[in-house]
C-alpha atoms as a PDB file:
ATOM      1  CA  UNK A   1     -17.080  18.022   1.231  1.00  0.00           C
ATOM      2  CA  UNK A   2     -18.254  15.470  -1.312  1.00  0.00           C
ATOM      3  CA  UNK A   3     -18.762  16.583  -4.889  1.00  0.00           C
ATOM      4  CA  UNK A   4     -22.385  15.400  -4.772  1.00  0.00           C
ATOM      5  CA  UNK A   5     -22.993  17.609  -1.721  1.00  0.00           C
ATOM      6  CA  UNK A   6     -21.557  20.621  -3.563  1.00  0.00           C
ATOM      7  CA  UNK A   7     -23.858  19.960  -6.506  1.00  0.00           C
ATOM      8  CA  UNK A   8     -26.920  19.650  -4.252  1.00  0.00           C
ATOM      9  CA  UNK A   9     -25.993  22.830  -2.389  1.00  0.00           C
ATOM     10  CA  UNK A  10     -25.595  24.769  -5.627  1.00  0.00           C
ATOM     11  CA  UNK A  11     -28.848  23.359  -6.993  1.00  0.00           C
ATOM     12  CA  UNK A  12     -30.608  24.796  -3.948  1.00  0.00           C
ATOM     13  CA  UNK A  13     -28.731  28.134  -3.920  1.00  0.00           C
ATOM     14  CA  UNK A  14     -28.891  28.764  -7.671  1.00  0.00           C
ATOM     15  CA  UNK A  15     -32.666  29.028  -7.591  1.00  0.00           C
ATOM     16  CA  UNK A  16     -33.902  32.618  -7.875  1.00  0.00           C
ATOM     17  CA  UNK A  17     -37.261  33.355  -6.249  1.00  0.00           C
ATOM     18  CA  UNK A  18     -39.008  35.544  -8.805  1.00  0.00           C
ATOM     19  CA  UNK A  19     -41.375  36.945  -6.162  1.00  0.00           C
ATOM     20  CA  UNK A  20     -38.517  38.106  -3.915  1.00  0.00           C
ATOM     21  CA  UNK A  21     -36.044  39.643  -6.366  1.00  0.00           C
ATOM     22  CA  UNK A  22     -34.949  42.285  -3.875  1.00  0.00           C
ATOM     23  CA  UNK A  23     -33.996  39.602  -1.346  1.00  0.00           C
ATOM     24  CA  UNK A  24     -32.294  37.563  -4.063  1.00  0.00           C
ATOM     25  CA  UNK A  25     -30.177  40.577  -4.972  1.00  0.00           C
ATOM     26  CA  UNK A  26     -29.171  41.105  -1.343  1.00  0.00           C
ATOM     27  CA  UNK A  27     -28.235  37.408  -1.009  1.00  0.00           C
ATOM     28  CA  UNK A  28     -25.506  37.622  -3.686  1.00  0.00           C
ATOM     29  CA  UNK A  29     -22.675  38.731  -1.340  1.00  0.00           C
ATOM     30  CA  UNK A  30     -23.592  36.062   1.227  1.00  0.00           C
ATOM     31  CA  UNK A  31     -23.665  33.353  -1.424  1.00  0.00           C
ATOM     32  CA  UNK A  32     -20.358  34.609  -2.821  1.00  0.00           C
ATOM     33  CA  UNK A  33     -18.837  34.406   0.647  1.00  0.00           C
ATOM     34  CA  UNK A  34     -20.235  30.921   1.201  1.00  0.00           C
ATOM     35  CA  UNK A  35     -18.824  29.518  -2.036  1.00  0.00           C
ATOM     36  CA  UNK A  36     -15.539  31.396  -1.754  1.00  0.00           C
ATOM     37  CA  UNK A  37     -15.056  29.877   1.700  1.00  0.00           C
ATOM     38  CA  UNK A  38     -15.717  26.444   0.214  1.00  0.00           C
ATOM     39  CA  UNK A  39     -13.229  27.174  -2.580  1.00  0.00           C
ATOM     40  CA  UNK A  40     -10.476  28.154  -0.151  1.00  0.00           C
ATOM     41  CA  UNK A  41     -11.108  25.016   1.901  1.00  0.00           C
ATOM     42  CA  UNK A  42     -11.025  22.758  -1.161  1.00  0.00           C
ATOM     43  CA  UNK A  43      -7.836  24.421  -2.436  1.00  0.00           C
ATOM     44  CA  UNK A  44      -6.215  23.762   0.927  1.00  0.00           C
ATOM     45  CA  UNK A  45      -7.189  20.096   0.689  1.00  0.00           C
ATOM     46  CA  UNK A  46      -5.721  19.953  -2.826  1.00  0.00           C
ATOM     47  CA  UNK A  47      -2.428  21.382  -1.580  1.00  0.00           C
ATOM     48  CA  UNK A  48      -2.269  18.742   1.157  1.00  0.00           C
ATOM     49  CA  UNK A  49      -3.041  15.959  -1.315  1.00  0.00           C
ATOM     50  CA  UNK A  50      -0.400  17.267  -3.705  1.00  0.00           C
ATOM     51  CA  UNK A  51       2.264  17.332  -0.999  1.00  0.00           C
ATOM     52  CA  UNK A  52       1.202  13.849   0.116  1.00  0.00           C
ATOM     53  CA  UNK A  53       1.636  12.681  -3.485  1.00  0.00           C
ATOM     54  CA  UNK A  54       5.160  14.113  -3.639  1.00  0.00           C
ATOM     55  CA  UNK A  55       6.123  12.361  -0.400  1.00  0.00           C
ATOM     56  CA  UNK A  56       4.510   9.110  -1.527  1.00  0.00           C
ATOM     57  CA  UNK A  57       6.319   9.131  -4.874  1.00  0.00           C
ATOM     58  CA  UNK A  58       9.646   9.617  -3.103  1.00  0.00           C
ATOM     59  CA  UNK A  59       8.877   6.848  -0.611  1.00  0.00           C
ATOM     60  CA  UNK A  60       7.775   4.508  -3.392  1.00  0.00           C
ATOM     61  CA  UNK A  61      10.892   5.352  -5.417  1.00  0.00           C
ATOM     62  CA  UNK A  62      13.092   4.523  -2.434  1.00  0.00           C
ATOM     63  CA  UNK A  63      11.080   1.374  -1.779  1.00  0.00           C
ATOM     64  CA  UNK A  64      11.320   0.122  -5.365  1.00  0.00           C
ATOM     65  CA  UNK A  65      15.031   0.921  -5.605  1.00  0.00           C
ATOM     66  CA  UNK A  66      16.280   0.065  -2.091  1.00  0.00           C
ATOM     67  CA  UNK A  67      13.780  -2.314  -0.539  1.00  0.00           C
ATOM     68  CA  UNK A  68      11.809  -2.353   2.695  1.00  0.00           C
ATOM     69  CA  UNK A  69      12.329  -0.109   5.694  1.00  0.00           C
ATOM     70  CA  UNK A  70      10.361   0.071   8.960  1.00  0.00           C
ATOM     71  CA  UNK A  71       7.673   2.305   7.484  1.00  0.00           C
ATOM     72  CA  UNK A  72       7.103   0.259   4.333  1.00  0.00           C
ATOM     73  CA  UNK A  73       6.892  -2.936   6.362  1.00  0.00           C
ATOM     74  CA  UNK A  74       4.125  -1.358   8.481  1.00  0.00           C
ATOM     75  CA  UNK A  75       2.323  -0.240   5.328  1.00  0.00           C
ATOM     76  CA  UNK A  76       2.619  -3.760   3.939  1.00  0.00           C
ATOM     77  CA  UNK A  77       3.940  -2.579   0.582  1.00  0.00           C
ATOM     78  CA  UNK A  78       4.696  -5.405  -1.808  1.00  0.00           C
ATOM     79  CA  UNK A  79       7.431  -5.721  -4.383  1.00  0.00           C
ATOM     80  CA  UNK A  80       6.583  -6.671  -7.922  1.00  0.00           C
ATOM     81  CA  UNK A  81       7.151 -10.380  -8.605  1.00  0.00           C
ATOM     82  CA  UNK A  82      10.649  -9.723  -9.924  1.00  0.00           C
ATOM     83  CA  UNK A  83      11.771  -7.997  -6.670  1.00  0.00           C
ATOM     84  CA  UNK A  84      13.726  -4.730  -6.485  1.00  0.00           C
ATOM     85  CA  UNK A  85      13.195  -2.693  -9.628  1.00  0.00           C
ATOM     86  CA  UNK A  86      15.901  -1.207 -11.851  1.00  0.00           C
ATOM     87  CA  UNK A  87      16.049   2.592 -11.545  1.00  0.00           C
ATOM     88  CA  UNK A  88      15.257   2.983 -15.244  1.00  0.00           C
ATOM     89  CA  UNK A  89      12.024   0.992 -14.750  1.00  0.00           C
ATOM     90  CA  UNK A  90      10.858   2.786 -11.592  1.00  0.00           C
ATOM     91  CA  UNK A  91       8.747   5.459 -13.393  1.00  0.00           C
ATOM     92  CA  UNK A  92       6.694   2.706 -15.032  1.00  0.00           C
ATOM     93  CA  UNK A  93       6.116   1.015 -11.663  1.00  0.00           C
ATOM     94  CA  UNK A  94       5.245   4.334 -10.017  1.00  0.00           C
ATOM     95  CA  UNK A  95       2.659   5.027 -12.733  1.00  0.00           C
ATOM     96  CA  UNK A  96       1.071   1.609 -12.142  1.00  0.00           C
ATOM     97  CA  UNK A  97       1.254   1.650  -8.329  1.00  0.00           C
ATOM     98  CA  UNK A  98      -2.216   1.315  -6.800  1.00  0.00           C
ATOM     99  CA  UNK A  99      -1.518   3.743  -3.928  1.00  0.00           C
ATOM    100  CA  UNK A 100      -0.334   6.418  -6.336  1.00  0.00           C
ATOM    101  CA  UNK A 101      -3.246   5.777  -8.696  1.00  0.00           C
ATOM    102  CA  UNK A 102      -5.750   6.123  -5.847  1.00  0.00           C
ATOM    103  CA  UNK A 103      -4.154   9.345  -4.648  1.00  0.00           C
ATOM    104  CA  UNK A 104      -4.095  10.666  -8.239  1.00  0.00           C
ATOM    105  CA  UNK A 105      -7.820   9.977  -8.513  1.00  0.00           C
ATOM    106  CA  UNK A 106      -8.462  11.882  -5.281  1.00  0.00           C
ATOM    107  CA  UNK A 107      -6.405  14.793  -6.603  1.00  0.00           C
ATOM    108  CA  UNK A 108      -8.407  14.734  -9.853  1.00  0.00           C
ATOM    109  CA  UNK A 109     -11.718  14.892  -7.994  1.00  0.00           C
ATOM    110  CA  UNK A 110     -10.364  17.701  -5.841  1.00  0.00           C
ATOM    111  CA  UNK A 111      -9.372  19.660  -8.951  1.00  0.00           C
ATOM    112  CA  UNK A 112     -12.866  19.138 -10.384  1.00  0.00           C
ATOM    113  CA  UNK A 113     -14.411  20.493  -7.179  1.00  0.00           C
ATOM    114  CA  UNK A 114     -12.212  23.579  -7.387  1.00  0.00           C
ATOM    115  CA  UNK A 115     -13.116  24.184 -11.035  1.00  0.00           C
ATOM    116  CA  UNK A 116     -16.798  23.803 -10.183  1.00  0.00           C
ATOM    117  CA  UNK A 117     -16.584  26.248  -7.269  1.00  0.00           C
ATOM    118  CA  UNK A 118     -14.698  28.755  -9.424  1.00  0.00           C
ATOM    119  CA  UNK A 119     -17.461  28.560 -12.038  1.00  0.00           C
ATOM    120  CA  UNK A 120     -20.114  29.061  -9.344  1.00  0.00           C
ATOM    121  CA  UNK A 121     -18.300  32.144  -8.075  1.00  0.00           C
ATOM    122  CA  UNK A 122     -18.042  33.534 -11.618  1.00  0.00           C
ATOM    123  CA  UNK A 123     -21.787  33.023 -12.059  1.00  0.00           C
ATOM    124  CA  UNK A 124     -22.468  35.602  -9.326  1.00  0.00           C
ATOM    125  CA  UNK A 125     -21.382  38.307 -11.780  1.00  0.00           C
ATOM    126  CA  UNK A 126     -24.344  37.325 -13.935  1.00  0.00           C
ATOM    127  CA  UNK A 127     -26.810  36.747 -11.122  1.00  0.00           C
ATOM    128  CA  UNK A 128     -27.170  40.473 -10.456  1.00  0.00           C
ATOM    129  CA  UNK A 129     -27.617  41.074 -14.174  1.00  0.00           C
ATOM    130  CA  UNK A 130     -30.348  38.417 -14.347  1.00  0.00           C
ATOM    131  CA  UNK A 131     -32.172  39.922 -11.390  1.00  0.00           C
ATOM    132  CA  UNK A 132     -31.941  43.417 -12.910  1.00  0.00           C
ATOM    133  CA  UNK A 133     -33.332  42.102 -16.200  1.00  0.00           C
ATOM    134  CA  UNK A 134     -36.214  40.433 -14.357  1.00  0.00           C
ATOM    135  CA  UNK A 135     -37.038  43.683 -12.527  1.00  0.00           C
ATOM    136  CA  UNK A 136     -36.875  45.638 -15.791  1.00  0.00           C
ATOM    137  CA  UNK A 137     -39.179  43.127 -17.481  1.00  0.00           C
ATOM    138  CA  UNK A 138     -41.696  43.359 -14.628  1.00  0.00           C
ATOM    139  CA  UNK A 139     -41.639  47.163 -14.953  1.00  0.00           C
ATOM    140  CA  UNK A 140     -42.164  46.833 -18.708  1.00  0.00           C
ATOM    141  CA  UNK A 141     -45.147  44.482 -18.243  1.00  0.00           C
ATOM    142  CA  UNK A 142     -46.695  46.926 -15.797  1.00  0.00           C
ATOM    143  CA  UNK A 143     -46.409  49.757 -18.298  1.00  0.00           C
ATOM    144  CA  UNK A 144     -43.454  51.536 -16.740  1.00  0.00           C
END
């Protein structure tokens, strides 16, 4: 799921209908389930991306130190202008490799999604409190 879609979904779900506080209170477990399911899914995606990164770094290390193989030829990986890289210089080339950078960016976005979903789930602890306060205030205004 795209980060923008998560934000839009939460914008819609975070609204509390002040005229239906009883229904809003009952919705808390369903919303918790919905966002916890999203969190588990996004964590699974992060784990896959992380393992892909580990495999890619190994493949790139082998490529930079040993040269092309069948797989790297299919992927059209290119050597730096100076050719095969010295092992001591490989970390610098791995850090600057466009494939690794792109995958790192995807991992970063995935981590942001997870942090966002965790904060949404934590907010459900306060949602019940907010609803209770609203009910208490309505009682107070009505003289009770």
